[in-house]
Amino acid sequence: MNKEEIVESPTKRASLWKELGNAIRGTEADYTSIGLRRAIFLLAVPMILELVMESTFALADIYFVGKLGASAVATVGLTETYLFLLYSIGMGLSMAVTAVIARRIGEKSEEDAGVSAVQSIILALIASLPFAIGGIFYSKELLTLMGADEWALQEGYRYTQWMLGGNAVIMLLFVINAIFRGAGDAAIAMRVLLVSNGINIVLDPLFIFGWGPVPAMGIEGAAIATNIGRGIGVLFQLWLLFNGGKHIRLLKEHLRVNARALKNIFKTSIGGIGQMIVAMTAWIFLMRILADVSSEAVAGATITIRIMMFTMMPAFGLANAAATMVGQNLGAERPDRAESSVWKVGVYNMIFLIGVSLVYFFFNEDLMRIFSDNPDVIAIGGEWMQILSYSYFVYGWWMVSTSAFNGAGDTRTPTKINLVFFWAIQIPLAYLLALHFDWGHSGVFWAVFFSETSVGLFTLWLFSRGKWKTVKV
């Protein structure tokens, strides 16, 4: 090593820490003109931290609920099958919001970006109404439909009632953070979830088990804590949207219904909602099949999906960064730069998920023991994690290529892909293997492995053809 390299190394380290600080604080950088690696880093770091905090809450929540027994965990899992429908709408709408806002910011049209942000909030509130009505008045019927046990119908239904009844805060949290991400204010979205989930984690054990004057509310307490934490998070979002954005800020004149912008977001969101509904309803069918196997199978799958989501958060964060890069660079008429960002992010994702696969393969049951002491639940969840480890890195390419389509505003292509691989392949295959061939929960897990590995490879191939570059939003 020569003298110049010795001097340069500390300088590079100092620069890295400086950029890390910039990423966490947020910058006014133009993501269509700065260096590609720097742009990805500044966007991905807060997006990764945002999602890690969200999944940390999910793990903390299931950890505390797990102390109430397998039926309580199963109740959370069955309720989440309906929440997944809600998430599908929220995430689908968020895809459209990110794409539209990113495109307007790339075009340097801040006024149109503000108007579009307001329309997305209006759509989020409208979409939350049916779920609120269903959850408040029909929670027991919804759990019965999913094959819930007696404990869930007598005690756990209150959790379902609170989670679905207060779903507007979940929807708004999704959509407003999508506004920030599309604009390039990913650091703000991160801070919102830090506040929201911090409150959640503190209130969870307090409300579930009680302390001092606070009574023990059991599984209902977990839902109340979630609603309070996320409700405060939404209030924080709205304050920041009017006062704290570096790339987008709402003004009083934006607070109106704009039919053209509303229609544009709705039209773009149809494909995003469609692809998420297909994926989420596929998961509902899988959970229904697992419910026919045993409550332990549902509990094992519920815990595994929480662990899986936690470990995949960095990959999702990178994929979200790719969506913003694609949207803004297409808006700036730089399609080649948009494509280059996706390939770079894909390589980073693949490397990360290979490491996760090794952890899943060797330490699957150790991870399960953190959340359950039931040997059947541990064995079932551990088996799924080991199966996932065989091709987990392919999921990274799937996430990034799908995000590229969505960031470009081409939300319909992933919907068509999901219809084939999830509805036409995954669900029938899971049913045949689990129930017809009597593989039980193992049949469901192998069906997921086959279908999701296949869809990942196919989506990446379709992305490489480049038609997404011509989409207009």
Protein backbone atom coordinates (compact mmCIF):
# COMPACT_ATOMS: atom_id res chain seq x y z
CA MET A 1 0.00 0.00 0.00
CA ASN A 2 1.51 3.34 -1.01
CA LYS A 3 1.41 6.61 0.91
CA GLU A 4 -1.43 8.01 -1.17
CA GLU A 5 -3.67 5.01 -0.40
CA ILE A 6 -2.91 5.29 3.31
CA VAL A 7 -4.02 8.92 3.30
CA GLU A 8 -7.07 8.25 1.14
CA SER A 9 -8.55 5.40 3.22
CA PRO A 10 -9.58 7.51 6.29
CA THR A 11 -10.95 10.13 3.92
CA LYS A 12 -13.20 7.55 2.26
CA ARG A 13 -14.37 6.32 5.65
CA ALA A 14 -15.18 9.87 6.74
CA SER A 15 -17.06 10.41 3.49
CA LEU A 16 -19.08 7.23 4.05
CA TRP A 17 -20.11 8.32 7.54
CA LYS A 18 -21.00 11.76 6.20
CA GLU A 19 -23.23 10.26 3.51
CA LEU A 20 -24.81 7.94 6.07
CA GLY A 21 -25.68 10.98 8.14
CA ASN A 22 -27.07 12.71 5.05
CA ALA A 23 -29.21 9.66 4.24
CA ILE A 24 -30.68 9.56 7.75
CA ARG A 25 -31.26 13.32 7.99
CA GLY A 26 -32.46 13.68 4.41
CA THR A 27 -30.99 15.86 1.68
CA GLU A 28 -32.18 18.07 -1.16
CA ALA A 29 -30.10 16.06 -3.66
CA ASP A 30 -31.38 15.68 -7.21
CA TYR A 31 -31.58 11.90 -7.77
CA THR A 32 -31.67 12.35 -11.53
CA SER A 33 -28.22 13.94 -11.70
CA ILE A 34 -25.99 12.87 -8.79
CA GLY A 35 -23.83 9.74 -8.95
CA LEU A 36 -25.85 6.54 -9.30
CA ARG A 37 -24.33 4.74 -6.31
CA ARG A 38 -24.74 7.82 -4.13
CA ALA A 39 -28.37 8.22 -5.20
CA ILE A 40 -29.14 4.58 -4.40
CA PHE A 41 -27.36 4.88 -1.04
CA LEU A 42 -29.17 8.08 -0.01
CA LEU A 43 -32.56 6.58 -0.89
CA ALA A 44 -32.00 3.00 0.25
CA VAL A 45 -30.61 3.64 3.75
CA PRO A 46 -33.70 5.41 5.16
CA MET A 47 -36.04 3.07 3.24
CA ILE A 48 -34.28 0.05 4.75
CA LEU A 49 -34.40 1.54 8.25
CA GLU A 50 -38.07 2.42 7.76
CA LEU A 51 -38.98 -1.15 6.87
CA VAL A 52 -36.73 -2.67 9.55
CA MET A 53 -38.56 -0.62 12.16
CA GLU A 54 -41.92 -1.75 10.79
CA SER A 55 -40.93 -5.39 10.89
CA THR A 56 -39.35 -4.95 14.34
CA PHE A 57 -42.76 -3.92 15.58
CA ALA A 58 -44.33 -6.95 13.88
CA LEU A 59 -41.85 -9.25 15.63
CA ALA A 60 -42.32 -7.52 18.99
CA ASP A 61 -46.09 -7.77 18.60
CA ILE A 62 -46.05 -11.49 17.82
CA TYR A 63 -43.52 -12.06 20.63
CA PHE A 64 -45.86 -10.60 23.25
CA VAL A 65 -48.99 -12.19 21.75
CA GLY A 66 -47.13 -15.51 21.67
CA LYS A 67 -47.15 -15.48 25.48
CA LEU A 68 -50.94 -15.87 25.31
CA GLY A 69 -50.74 -19.23 23.48
CA ALA A 70 -51.02 -20.78 20.02
CA SER A 71 -54.70 -19.80 19.63
CA ALA A 72 -53.84 -16.14 20.18
CA VAL A 73 -51.07 -16.31 17.58
CA ALA A 74 -53.43 -18.10 15.20
CA THR A 75 -56.02 -15.34 15.74
CA VAL A 76 -53.44 -12.74 14.71
CA GLY A 77 -52.58 -14.85 11.66
CA LEU A 78 -56.22 -15.26 10.62
CA THR A 79 -56.94 -11.56 11.15
CA GLU A 80 -53.93 -10.73 9.03
CA THR A 81 -55.42 -12.64 6.13
CA TYR A 82 -58.04 -9.86 5.99
CA LEU A 83 -55.49 -7.18 6.76
CA PHE A 84 -53.51 -8.53 3.80
CA LEU A 85 -56.46 -7.53 1.61
CA LEU A 86 -56.27 -4.09 3.14
CA TYR A 87 -52.50 -4.04 2.69
CA SER A 88 -52.97 -5.04 -0.94
CA ILE A 89 -55.07 -1.94 -1.54
CA GLY A 90 -52.80 0.28 0.54
CA MET A 91 -49.63 -1.02 -1.10
CA GLY A 92 -51.17 -0.99 -4.57
CA LEU A 93 -52.27 2.60 -4.09
CA SER A 94 -48.83 3.39 -2.67
CA MET A 95 -47.16 2.02 -5.80
CA ALA A 96 -49.21 4.41 -7.92
CA VAL A 97 -48.56 7.31 -5.56
CA THR A 98 -44.79 6.69 -5.57
CA ALA A 99 -44.75 6.42 -9.38
CA VAL A 100 -46.83 9.57 -9.96
CA ILE A 101 -45.08 11.71 -7.34
CA ALA A 102 -41.62 10.55 -8.50
CA ARG A 103 -42.52 11.33 -12.13
CA ARG A 104 -43.77 14.84 -11.21
CA ILE A 105 -40.65 15.52 -9.13
CA GLY A 106 -38.44 14.28 -11.98
CA GLU A 107 -40.27 16.69 -14.28
CA LYS A 108 -39.61 19.49 -11.73
CA SER A 109 -43.38 20.02 -11.35
CA GLU A 110 -43.71 20.52 -7.57
CA GLU A 111 -47.20 22.05 -7.86
CA ASP A 112 -48.63 18.97 -9.59
CA ALA A 113 -46.83 16.74 -7.07
CA GLY A 114 -48.61 18.52 -4.19
CA VAL A 115 -52.02 18.24 -5.86
CA SER A 116 -51.47 14.53 -6.55
CA ALA A 117 -50.46 13.96 -2.91
CA VAL A 118 -53.78 15.34 -1.67
CA GLN A 119 -55.76 13.17 -4.09
CA SER A 120 -53.93 10.06 -2.86
CA ILE A 121 -54.94 10.82 0.74
CA ILE A 122 -58.58 11.20 -0.34
CA LEU A 123 -58.44 7.81 -2.10
CA ALA A 124 -56.89 6.19 0.99
CA LEU A 125 -59.73 7.35 3.23
CA ILE A 126 -62.38 6.15 0.78
CA ALA A 127 -60.73 2.72 0.49
CA SER A 128 -60.61 2.24 4.28
CA LEU A 129 -64.39 2.53 4.82
CA PRO A 130 -65.55 -0.99 3.77
CA PHE A 131 -62.92 -2.66 5.97
CA ALA A 132 -63.90 -0.55 8.96
CA ILE A 133 -67.57 -1.47 8.60
CA GLY A 134 -66.79 -5.17 8.15
CA GLY A 135 -64.42 -5.28 11.12
CA ILE A 136 -66.68 -3.43 13.55
CA PHE A 137 -69.87 -5.34 12.82
CA TYR A 138 -68.82 -8.74 11.44
CA SER A 139 -65.53 -9.72 13.14
CA LYS A 140 -66.81 -13.09 14.44
CA GLU A 141 -68.26 -14.03 11.08
CA LEU A 142 -65.00 -13.18 9.35
CA LEU A 143 -63.01 -15.37 11.74
CA THR A 144 -65.50 -18.22 11.37
CA LEU A 145 -65.07 -18.05 7.61
CA MET A 146 -61.33 -18.62 8.08
CA GLY A 147 -61.83 -21.68 10.30
CA ALA A 148 -60.98 -20.03 13.64
CA ASP A 149 -61.09 -22.13 16.81
CA GLU A 150 -63.45 -21.53 19.76
CA TRP A 151 -61.01 -19.32 21.71
CA ALA A 152 -60.64 -16.97 18.74
CA LEU A 153 -64.42 -16.66 18.38
CA GLN A 154 -65.00 -15.99 22.09
CA GLU A 155 -61.95 -13.89 22.96
CA GLY A 156 -59.81 -13.14 19.91
CA TYR A 157 -62.55 -11.48 17.84
CA ARG A 158 -61.93 -8.19 19.69
CA TYR A 159 -58.46 -8.06 18.15
CA THR A 160 -60.03 -8.40 14.69
CA GLN A 161 -62.60 -5.75 15.55
CA TRP A 162 -59.98 -3.19 16.54
CA MET A 163 -57.53 -3.92 13.72
CA LEU A 164 -60.09 -3.74 10.92
CA GLY A 165 -62.21 -1.05 12.56
CA GLY A 166 -59.22 1.28 12.86
CA ASN A 167 -57.71 0.43 9.49
CA ALA A 168 -57.75 4.04 8.23
CA VAL A 169 -54.53 4.76 10.16
CA ILE A 170 -52.83 1.81 8.44
CA MET A 171 -53.98 2.99 5.02
CA LEU A 172 -52.86 6.57 5.60
CA LEU A 173 -49.51 5.44 6.99
CA PHE A 174 -48.89 3.48 3.77
CA VAL A 175 -49.96 6.21 1.36
CA ILE A 176 -48.40 9.27 3.00
CA ASN A 177 -45.06 7.50 3.37
CA ALA A 178 -45.34 6.61 -0.33
CA ILE A 179 -45.67 10.33 -1.05
CA PHE A 180 -42.45 11.02 0.84
CA ARG A 181 -40.62 8.14 -0.86
CA GLY A 182 -41.70 9.17 -4.35
CA ALA A 183 -40.55 12.72 -3.70
CA GLY A 184 -37.17 11.51 -2.42
CA ASP A 185 -37.91 12.35 1.23
CA ALA A 186 -37.32 8.78 2.38
CA ALA A 187 -35.71 10.00 5.62
CA ILE A 188 -39.03 11.56 6.67
CA ALA A 189 -40.89 8.28 6.10
CA MET A 190 -38.26 6.59 8.27
CA ARG A 191 -38.74 9.06 11.14
CA VAL A 192 -42.52 8.60 11.03
CA LEU A 193 -42.23 4.86 11.57
CA LEU A 194 -39.62 5.39 14.30
CA VAL A 195 -42.19 7.38 16.27
CA SER A 196 -45.16 5.17 15.42
CA ASN A 197 -43.53 1.83 16.10
CA GLY A 198 -41.64 3.09 19.15
CA ILE A 199 -44.99 3.95 20.76
CA ASN A 200 -46.38 0.59 19.62
CA ILE A 201 -43.61 -1.44 21.20
CA VAL A 202 -43.88 0.41 24.52
CA LEU A 203 -47.67 0.11 24.70
CA ASP A 204 -47.86 -3.54 23.57
CA PRO A 205 -46.77 -5.29 26.80
CA LEU A 206 -48.43 -2.58 28.88
CA PHE A 207 -51.86 -3.14 27.36
CA ILE A 208 -51.55 -6.92 26.87
CA PHE A 209 -50.35 -7.83 30.39
CA GLY A 210 -51.31 -4.70 32.36
CA TRP A 211 -49.27 -2.72 34.84
CA GLY A 212 -50.33 -0.56 37.78
CA PRO A 213 -53.63 1.15 36.98
CA VAL A 214 -53.61 -0.19 33.41
CA PRO A 215 -55.66 -3.44 33.27
CA ALA A 216 -54.49 -6.54 31.37
CA MET A 217 -56.45 -6.54 28.09
CA GLY A 218 -54.89 -9.61 26.48
CA ILE A 219 -54.92 -9.84 22.70
CA GLU A 220 -57.30 -6.86 22.48
CA GLY A 221 -54.60 -4.73 24.09
CA ALA A 222 -52.20 -5.51 21.24
CA ALA A 223 -54.68 -4.09 18.72
CA ILE A 224 -55.38 -0.97 20.81
CA ALA A 225 -51.64 -0.31 21.12
CA THR A 226 -51.25 -0.65 17.35
CA ASN A 227 -54.06 1.81 16.63
CA ILE A 228 -52.70 4.40 19.07
CA GLY A 229 -49.12 4.11 17.75
CA ARG A 230 -50.11 4.32 14.11
CA GLY A 231 -52.65 7.06 14.75
CA ILE A 232 -49.95 9.25 16.29
CA GLY A 233 -47.71 8.35 13.34
CA VAL A 234 -50.34 9.64 10.88
CA LEU A 235 -50.66 12.95 12.76
CA PHE A 236 -46.87 13.29 12.60
CA GLN A 237 -46.95 12.55 8.86
CA LEU A 238 -49.52 15.25 8.19
CA TRP A 239 -47.55 17.82 10.16
CA LEU A 240 -44.37 16.97 8.25
CA LEU A 241 -46.18 17.02 4.92
CA PHE A 242 -47.13 20.65 5.50
CA ASN A 243 -43.98 21.75 7.30
CA GLY A 244 -40.98 19.44 6.91
CA GLY A 245 -40.53 18.15 3.34
CA LYS A 246 -37.29 18.83 1.46
CA HIS A 247 -38.67 17.76 -1.94
CA ILE A 248 -42.43 18.09 -1.43
CA ARG A 249 -44.56 20.33 0.75
CA LEU A 250 -48.34 20.76 0.78
CA LEU A 251 -49.86 24.23 0.63
CA LYS A 252 -53.40 25.36 1.42
CA GLU A 253 -54.18 25.75 -2.27
CA HIS A 254 -53.48 22.04 -2.79
CA LEU A 255 -56.37 21.08 -0.48
CA ARG A 256 -59.01 20.50 -3.10
CA VAL A 257 -60.40 17.70 -5.21
CA ASN A 258 -58.72 17.63 -8.61
CA ALA A 259 -60.64 15.24 -10.85
CA ARG A 260 -57.83 14.86 -13.39
CA ALA A 261 -55.14 14.06 -10.81
CA LEU A 262 -57.52 11.83 -8.84
CA LYS A 263 -58.37 9.85 -11.96
CA ASN A 264 -54.70 9.52 -12.91
CA ILE A 265 -53.72 8.07 -9.51
CA PHE A 266 -56.76 5.80 -9.43
CA LYS A 267 -56.08 4.53 -12.94
CA THR A 268 -52.42 3.88 -12.17
CA SER A 269 -53.29 2.23 -8.85
CA ILE A 270 -55.65 -0.35 -10.40
CA GLY A 271 -52.76 -2.48 -11.60
CA GLY A 272 -50.88 -2.10 -8.31
CA ILE A 273 -53.94 -3.00 -6.26
CA GLY A 274 -54.64 -5.88 -8.61
CA GLN A 275 -51.17 -7.38 -8.26
CA MET A 276 -51.27 -7.08 -4.48
CA ILE A 277 -54.81 -8.50 -4.22
CA VAL A 278 -53.74 -11.50 -6.29
CA ALA A 279 -50.71 -12.09 -4.07
CA MET A 280 -52.53 -11.46 -0.80
CA THR A 281 -55.61 -13.53 -1.62
CA ALA A 282 -53.25 -16.32 -2.60
CA TRP A 283 -51.87 -16.08 0.93
CA ILE A 284 -55.42 -16.20 2.34
CA PHE A 285 -56.04 -19.47 0.48
CA LEU A 286 -52.76 -20.85 1.78
CA MET A 287 -53.67 -19.93 5.36
CA ARG A 288 -57.08 -21.56 4.88
CA ILE A 289 -55.37 -24.75 3.72
CA LEU A 290 -53.02 -24.61 6.74
CA ALA A 291 -56.04 -24.10 9.04
CA ASP A 292 -57.35 -27.46 7.82
CA VAL A 293 -54.03 -29.02 8.82
CA SER A 294 -53.80 -27.62 12.40
CA SER A 295 -53.64 -24.47 14.55
CA GLU A 296 -49.94 -25.22 15.04
CA ALA A 297 -49.44 -25.06 11.26
CA VAL A 298 -51.12 -21.62 11.16
CA ALA A 299 -49.08 -20.42 14.16
CA GLY A 300 -45.83 -21.73 12.67
CA ALA A 301 -46.53 -20.04 9.34
CA THR A 302 -47.55 -16.79 11.07
CA ILE A 303 -44.31 -16.59 13.05
CA THR A 304 -42.23 -17.55 10.01
CA ILE A 305 -43.77 -14.84 7.85
CA ARG A 306 -42.91 -12.27 10.55
CA ILE A 307 -39.30 -13.47 10.67
CA MET A 308 -39.16 -13.58 6.88
CA MET A 309 -40.50 -10.03 6.55
CA PHE A 310 -37.97 -8.79 9.11
CA THR A 311 -35.00 -10.31 7.32
CA MET A 312 -36.25 -9.14 3.91
CA MET A 313 -36.63 -5.50 4.95
CA PRO A 314 -33.23 -4.40 3.62
CA ALA A 315 -34.11 -6.07 0.31
CA PHE A 316 -37.50 -4.35 0.19
CA GLY A 317 -35.83 -1.06 1.06
CA LEU A 318 -33.43 -1.44 -1.85
CA ALA A 319 -36.32 -2.36 -4.14
CA ASN A 320 -38.23 0.76 -3.06
CA ALA A 321 -35.16 2.85 -3.82
CA ALA A 322 -35.13 1.35 -7.32
CA ALA A 323 -38.80 2.36 -7.81
CA THR A 324 -38.06 5.98 -6.90
CA MET A 325 -34.97 6.04 -9.12
CA VAL A 326 -36.92 4.64 -12.06
CA GLY A 327 -39.82 7.08 -11.65
CA GLN A 328 -37.71 10.21 -11.23
CA ASN A 329 -35.26 9.35 -14.01
CA LEU A 330 -38.04 8.53 -16.46
CA GLY A 331 -39.58 11.88 -15.54
CA ALA A 332 -36.21 13.50 -16.31
CA GLU A 333 -36.11 11.58 -19.62
CA ARG A 334 -33.11 9.46 -18.60
CA PRO A 335 -34.36 5.85 -19.17
CA ASP A 336 -30.87 4.33 -19.44
CA ARG A 337 -29.96 5.70 -16.01
CA ALA A 338 -33.23 4.26 -14.67
CA GLU A 339 -32.34 0.81 -16.01
CA SER A 340 -28.76 0.94 -14.71
CA SER A 341 -30.03 1.70 -11.21
CA VAL A 342 -32.21 -1.43 -11.26
CA TRP A 343 -29.36 -3.75 -12.24
CA LYS A 344 -27.12 -2.29 -9.54
CA VAL A 345 -29.79 -2.68 -6.87
CA GLY A 346 -30.49 -6.24 -8.05
CA VAL A 347 -26.88 -7.28 -7.48
CA TYR A 348 -26.89 -5.74 -3.98
CA ASN A 349 -30.13 -7.57 -3.18
CA MET A 350 -28.84 -10.91 -4.40
CA ILE A 351 -25.69 -10.70 -2.27
CA PHE A 352 -27.67 -9.75 0.84
CA LEU A 353 -30.25 -12.52 0.48
CA ILE A 354 -27.62 -15.19 -0.06
CA GLY A 355 -26.40 -14.28 3.45
CA VAL A 356 -29.95 -14.50 4.81
CA SER A 357 -30.38 -17.92 3.18
CA LEU A 358 -27.39 -19.26 5.10
CA VAL A 359 -28.91 -18.07 8.39
CA TYR A 360 -32.24 -19.69 7.51
CA PHE A 361 -30.59 -22.98 6.58
CA PHE A 362 -28.49 -23.37 9.72
CA PHE A 363 -30.45 -21.53 12.44
CA ASN A 364 -34.13 -21.90 11.48
CA GLU A 365 -35.38 -23.59 14.66
CA ASP A 366 -33.24 -21.32 16.85
CA LEU A 367 -35.06 -18.35 15.33
CA MET A 368 -38.45 -19.98 15.93
CA ARG A 369 -37.66 -20.65 19.61
CA ILE A 370 -37.44 -16.92 20.22
CA PHE A 371 -41.18 -16.64 19.57
CA SER A 372 -42.63 -19.99 20.65
CA ASP A 373 -41.89 -22.90 22.99
CA ASN A 374 -44.35 -25.22 21.25
CA PRO A 375 -42.24 -27.97 19.60
CA ASP A 376 -44.74 -28.48 16.75
CA VAL A 377 -44.84 -24.77 15.95
CA ILE A 378 -41.03 -24.60 16.05
CA ALA A 379 -40.62 -27.62 13.76
CA ILE A 380 -43.19 -26.37 11.22
CA GLY A 381 -41.77 -22.86 11.04
CA GLY A 382 -38.21 -24.15 10.92
CA GLU A 383 -39.05 -26.40 7.98
CA TRP A 384 -40.48 -23.50 5.99
CA MET A 385 -37.43 -21.33 6.60
CA GLN A 386 -35.14 -24.11 5.44
CA ILE A 387 -37.18 -24.57 2.24
CA LEU A 388 -37.05 -20.81 1.63
CA SER A 389 -33.26 -20.81 1.97
CA TYR A 390 -32.84 -22.88 -1.20
CA SER A 391 -33.65 -20.02 -3.57
CA TYR A 392 -34.16 -16.92 -1.43
CA PHE A 393 -31.75 -14.87 -3.51
CA VAL A 394 -34.09 -15.18 -6.51
CA TYR A 395 -36.74 -13.27 -4.52
CA GLY A 396 -34.36 -10.31 -4.42
CA TRP A 397 -34.35 -10.03 -8.21
CA TRP A 398 -38.12 -10.47 -8.23
CA MET A 399 -38.62 -7.60 -5.78
CA VAL A 400 -36.34 -5.25 -7.68
CA SER A 401 -37.70 -6.00 -11.17
CA THR A 402 -41.31 -5.72 -9.93
CA SER A 403 -40.47 -2.41 -8.25
CA ALA A 404 -39.00 -1.19 -11.53
CA PHE A 405 -42.27 -1.91 -13.34
CA ASN A 406 -44.25 -0.19 -10.58
CA GLY A 407 -41.89 2.78 -10.38
CA ALA A 408 -42.35 3.29 -14.10
CA GLY A 409 -46.12 3.26 -13.63
CA ASP A 410 -46.51 -0.11 -15.40
CA THR A 411 -48.48 -1.73 -12.59
CA ARG A 412 -50.52 -3.95 -14.91
CA THR A 413 -47.69 -6.23 -16.06
CA PRO A 414 -46.88 -7.55 -12.53
CA THR A 415 -50.63 -8.10 -12.02
CA LYS A 416 -50.85 -10.40 -15.03
CA ILE A 417 -47.73 -12.24 -13.90
CA ASN A 418 -49.14 -12.72 -10.39
CA LEU A 419 -52.43 -14.05 -11.75
CA VAL A 420 -50.64 -16.86 -13.55
CA PHE A 421 -48.05 -17.82 -10.96
CA PHE A 422 -50.12 -17.37 -7.78
CA TRP A 423 -53.69 -18.20 -8.72
CA ALA A 424 -53.15 -20.64 -11.57
CA ILE A 425 -50.07 -22.39 -10.12
CA GLN A 426 -49.47 -21.73 -6.40
CA ILE A 427 -52.95 -22.25 -4.96
CA PRO A 428 -53.88 -25.43 -6.90
CA LEU A 429 -50.43 -26.90 -6.29
CA ALA A 430 -50.61 -26.16 -2.54
CA TYR A 431 -54.05 -27.77 -2.31
CA LEU A 432 -52.99 -30.89 -4.19
CA LEU A 433 -49.76 -31.39 -2.27
CA ALA A 434 -51.11 -30.53 1.20
CA LEU A 435 -54.52 -32.21 1.17
CA HIS A 436 -54.84 -34.50 -1.84
CA PHE A 437 -51.37 -36.06 -1.55
CA ASP A 438 -51.41 -35.64 2.26
CA TRP A 439 -48.11 -33.72 2.53
CA GLY A 440 -49.75 -31.45 5.12
CA HIS A 441 -48.03 -28.12 5.80
CA SER A 442 -44.96 -29.29 3.84
CA GLY A 443 -47.03 -29.34 0.66
CA VAL A 444 -47.96 -25.68 1.12
CA PHE A 445 -44.34 -24.68 1.70
CA TRP A 446 -43.03 -26.53 -1.38
CA ALA A 447 -45.78 -25.02 -3.52
CA VAL A 448 -44.67 -21.55 -2.39
CA PHE A 449 -41.04 -22.42 -3.16
CA PHE A 450 -41.82 -23.58 -6.70
CA SER A 451 -44.20 -20.78 -7.68
CA GLU A 452 -42.22 -17.87 -6.23
CA THR A 453 -38.90 -19.06 -7.64
CA SER A 454 -40.52 -19.36 -11.06
CA VAL A 455 -42.20 -15.95 -10.92
CA GLY A 456 -38.93 -14.31 -9.88
CA LEU A 457 -37.01 -15.62 -12.87
CA PHE A 458 -39.81 -14.82 -15.31
CA THR A 459 -40.31 -11.23 -14.04
CA LEU A 460 -36.59 -10.49 -14.34
CA TRP A 461 -36.58 -11.77 -17.93
CA LEU A 462 -39.58 -9.60 -18.79
CA PHE A 463 -37.93 -6.53 -17.25
CA SER A 464 -34.84 -7.05 -19.39
CA ARG A 465 -36.96 -6.55 -22.54
CA GLY A 466 -37.36 -2.84 -21.62
CA LYS A 467 -40.95 -2.03 -22.63
CA TRP A 468 -41.53 -0.40 -19.22
CA LYS A 469 -39.44 2.59 -20.37
CA THR A 470 -42.26 3.81 -22.63
CA VAL A 471 -45.02 3.97 -19.98
CA LYS A 472 -46.62 7.38 -19.36
CA VAL A 473 -48.20 8.46 -16.05
